[in-house]
Amino acid sequence: MENQTSTSKSIILNYGLILGVLSILVSLVKYAMGSHLENEPISGVISVIISIVFIVLGIKKFKQNNNGFLTFGQGLKIGMGITLISLVIAILYMVLFSSVIEPEFKNQAIEKTQQTWLDAGMTDEMIEKQLPYVEDYFYLSLYGGMAVISLLLGFIISLISTLIMKKSEEEQY
């Protein structure tokens, strides 16, 4: 059991670190292309595919190391662990990005939001009422949104992967 725990920890750390670093690379590419304020679907799809690949590979690696056995709880633990490690890395990167790499990120994002609201037909009065809330809760909503989306996506990927790969010792007999 102790070997199984150390194996699961190393798998979670290794695959979580790789996934976190790859998510940073996607963000850096977007920044280099000048599209870090855009909500274009390509980078989102790439990020989801990368997440699927590394969560599935992590769960599969654990199953291989565990003589081909994987319980439902083990699969979810591995998948969510990988997700959590990569999420922490991504949030730390965003803190670094918004305070060192691009200190004007918050102001740029708020300006982009204002323009989106204007294009949607909101009046200047409506925007002025909403602006203090956007400024006050910008980082909370950014990091909270990242956390909710990552954890939900990680849970869904882990759940589906585990249901497909699950095999307990009782099923063998």
Protein backbone atom coordinates (compact mmCIF):
# COMPACT_ATOMS: atom_id res chain seq x y z
CA MET A 1 0.00 0.00 0.00
CA GLU A 2 2.88 2.35 0.80
CA ASN A 3 4.40 1.71 -2.65
CA GLN A 4 1.02 2.44 -4.21
CA THR A 5 0.81 5.77 -2.34
CA SER A 6 4.29 6.84 -3.39
CA THR A 7 3.52 5.82 -6.96
CA SER A 8 0.29 7.83 -7.01
CA LYS A 9 2.03 10.88 -5.52
CA SER A 10 4.82 10.75 -8.09
CA ILE A 11 2.36 10.29 -10.95
CA ILE A 12 0.21 13.18 -9.72
CA LEU A 13 3.24 15.45 -9.32
CA ASN A 14 4.89 14.51 -12.62
CA TYR A 15 1.81 14.73 -14.82
CA GLY A 16 0.48 17.76 -12.93
CA LEU A 17 3.77 19.61 -13.41
CA ILE A 18 3.88 18.77 -17.10
CA LEU A 19 0.25 19.84 -17.59
CA GLY A 20 0.87 23.07 -15.65
CA VAL A 21 3.96 23.93 -17.68
CA LEU A 22 2.14 23.23 -20.94
CA SER A 23 -0.73 25.50 -19.88
CA ILE A 24 1.83 28.24 -19.24
CA LEU A 25 3.30 27.67 -22.71
CA VAL A 26 -0.15 28.03 -24.29
CA SER A 27 -0.61 31.32 -22.39
CA LEU A 28 2.83 32.58 -23.42
CA VAL A 29 2.12 31.80 -27.07
CA LYS A 30 -1.17 33.70 -26.83
CA TYR A 31 0.67 36.63 -25.22
CA ALA A 32 3.40 36.58 -27.89
CA MET A 33 0.71 36.63 -30.58
CA GLY A 34 -1.05 39.53 -28.86
CA SER A 35 -4.23 37.54 -28.31
CA HIS A 36 -4.04 37.16 -24.52
CA LEU A 37 -7.16 39.33 -24.11
CA GLU A 38 -9.15 37.49 -26.75
CA ASN A 39 -11.54 34.62 -26.14
CA GLU A 40 -10.70 32.70 -29.27
CA PRO A 41 -11.67 29.02 -29.22
CA ILE A 42 -8.45 27.52 -30.64
CA SER A 43 -6.37 27.90 -27.48
CA GLY A 44 -9.28 26.65 -25.39
CA VAL A 45 -9.59 23.53 -27.50
CA ILE A 46 -5.82 22.98 -27.36
CA SER A 47 -5.87 23.35 -23.57
CA VAL A 48 -8.73 20.86 -23.21
CA ILE A 49 -6.97 18.34 -25.46
CA ILE A 50 -3.73 18.71 -23.47
CA SER A 51 -5.68 18.23 -20.23
CA ILE A 52 -7.39 15.12 -21.55
CA VAL A 53 -4.11 13.62 -22.73
CA PHE A 54 -2.19 14.12 -19.47
CA ILE A 55 -5.01 13.14 -17.12
CA VAL A 56 -5.67 9.98 -19.13
CA LEU A 57 -1.95 9.18 -19.34
CA GLY A 58 -1.57 9.68 -15.59
CA ILE A 59 -4.47 7.38 -14.76
CA LYS A 60 -3.23 4.81 -17.28
CA LYS A 61 0.30 4.94 -15.80
CA PHE A 62 -1.09 4.33 -12.31
CA LYS A 63 -3.10 1.37 -13.59
CA GLN A 64 0.02 -0.09 -15.25
CA ASN A 65 2.02 0.35 -12.03
CA ASN A 66 -0.80 -1.32 -10.08
CA ASN A 67 -0.75 -4.62 -12.02
CA GLY A 68 -3.56 -3.51 -14.31
CA PHE A 69 -5.95 -2.69 -11.48
CA LEU A 70 -7.65 0.64 -10.92
CA THR A 71 -10.52 1.38 -8.57
CA PHE A 72 -12.97 4.20 -9.10
CA GLY A 73 -11.55 6.15 -6.16
CA GLN A 74 -7.96 5.73 -7.30
CA GLY A 75 -8.74 6.97 -10.80
CA LEU A 76 -10.56 10.04 -9.54
CA LYS A 77 -7.79 10.75 -7.04
CA ILE A 78 -5.09 10.61 -9.72
CA GLY A 79 -7.05 12.70 -12.23
CA MET A 80 -8.10 15.36 -9.73
CA GLY A 81 -4.61 15.45 -8.23
CA ILE A 82 -3.10 16.14 -11.65
CA THR A 83 -5.74 18.81 -12.23
CA LEU A 84 -5.08 20.46 -8.87
CA ILE A 85 -1.29 20.60 -9.33
CA SER A 86 -1.65 22.10 -12.82
CA LEU A 87 -4.24 24.60 -11.53
CA VAL A 88 -1.91 25.81 -8.78
CA ILE A 89 0.88 26.27 -11.34
CA ALA A 90 -1.47 28.12 -13.72
CA ILE A 91 -2.69 30.47 -10.97
CA LEU A 92 0.88 31.18 -9.82
CA TYR A 93 1.76 31.98 -13.43
CA MET A 94 -1.22 34.34 -13.73
CA VAL A 95 -0.13 36.15 -10.56
CA LEU A 96 3.37 36.52 -12.03
CA PHE A 97 1.98 37.51 -15.43
CA SER A 98 -0.36 40.19 -14.12
CA SER A 99 2.14 41.68 -11.68
CA VAL A 100 5.48 41.40 -13.52
CA ILE A 101 5.18 40.40 -17.18
CA GLU A 102 2.12 42.53 -18.05
CA PRO A 103 1.30 44.86 -15.13
CA GLU A 104 -1.36 46.59 -17.25
CA PHE A 105 -3.26 43.33 -17.78
CA LYS A 106 -6.10 44.24 -15.41
CA ASN A 107 -6.63 47.65 -17.04
CA GLN A 108 -6.45 46.16 -20.54
CA ALA A 109 -8.97 43.46 -19.65
CA ILE A 110 -11.36 45.99 -18.09
CA GLU A 111 -11.12 48.21 -21.19
CA LYS A 112 -11.85 45.18 -23.37
CA THR A 113 -14.86 44.36 -21.17
CA GLN A 114 -16.15 47.93 -21.44
CA GLN A 115 -15.88 47.79 -25.23
CA THR A 116 -17.73 44.47 -25.26
CA TRP A 117 -20.50 46.01 -23.16
CA LEU A 118 -20.74 49.03 -25.48
CA ASP A 119 -20.93 46.73 -28.50
CA ALA A 120 -23.71 44.78 -26.75
CA GLY A 121 -25.74 47.98 -26.37
CA MET A 122 -25.16 48.90 -22.74
CA THR A 123 -25.39 52.59 -21.95
CA ASP A 124 -22.59 54.61 -20.40
CA GLU A 125 -24.63 54.87 -17.19
CA MET A 126 -25.00 51.11 -16.96
CA ILE A 127 -21.29 50.61 -17.54
CA GLU A 128 -20.37 53.22 -14.93
CA LYS A 129 -22.51 51.38 -12.37
CA GLN A 130 -20.83 48.03 -13.11
CA LEU A 131 -17.24 49.27 -13.35
CA PRO A 132 -16.46 49.49 -9.60
CA TYR A 133 -17.54 45.87 -9.15
CA VAL A 134 -15.41 44.73 -12.06
CA GLU A 135 -12.38 46.57 -10.67
CA ASP A 136 -12.90 45.35 -7.10
CA TYR A 137 -13.50 41.71 -7.95
CA PHE A 138 -11.33 41.34 -11.05
CA TYR A 139 -8.72 38.97 -9.63
CA LEU A 140 -11.20 37.06 -7.51
CA SER A 141 -13.33 36.34 -10.56
CA LEU A 142 -10.27 35.58 -12.70
CA TYR A 143 -8.74 33.06 -10.30
CA GLY A 144 -12.11 31.74 -9.17
CA GLY A 145 -13.17 31.23 -12.77
CA MET A 146 -9.91 29.44 -13.54
CA ALA A 147 -10.40 27.19 -10.52
CA VAL A 148 -14.03 26.32 -11.22
CA ILE A 149 -13.48 25.61 -14.91
CA SER A 150 -10.28 23.59 -14.34
CA LEU A 151 -11.71 21.52 -11.50
CA LEU A 152 -14.97 20.84 -13.34
CA LEU A 153 -13.17 19.89 -16.55
CA GLY A 154 -10.66 17.78 -14.61
CA PHE A 155 -13.46 16.02 -12.76
CA ILE A 156 -15.32 15.19 -15.99
CA ILE A 157 -12.16 13.94 -17.71
CA SER A 158 -11.17 11.91 -14.62
CA LEU A 159 -14.66 10.47 -14.24
CA ILE A 160 -14.95 9.33 -17.85
CA SER A 161 -11.37 8.00 -17.96
CA THR A 162 -11.81 6.12 -14.70
CA LEU A 163 -15.11 4.58 -15.77
CA ILE A 164 -13.45 3.35 -18.96
CA MET A 165 -10.24 2.06 -17.36
CA LYS A 166 -11.57 0.85 -13.99
CA LYS A 167 -10.75 -2.73 -13.11
CA SER A 168 -10.79 -4.05 -9.56
CA GLU A 169 -9.29 -7.28 -8.28
CA GLU A 170 -12.80 -8.63 -7.60
CA GLU A 171 -13.70 -8.27 -11.30
CA GLN A 172 -10.80 -10.54 -12.22
CA TYR A 173 -12.44 -13.60 -10.69
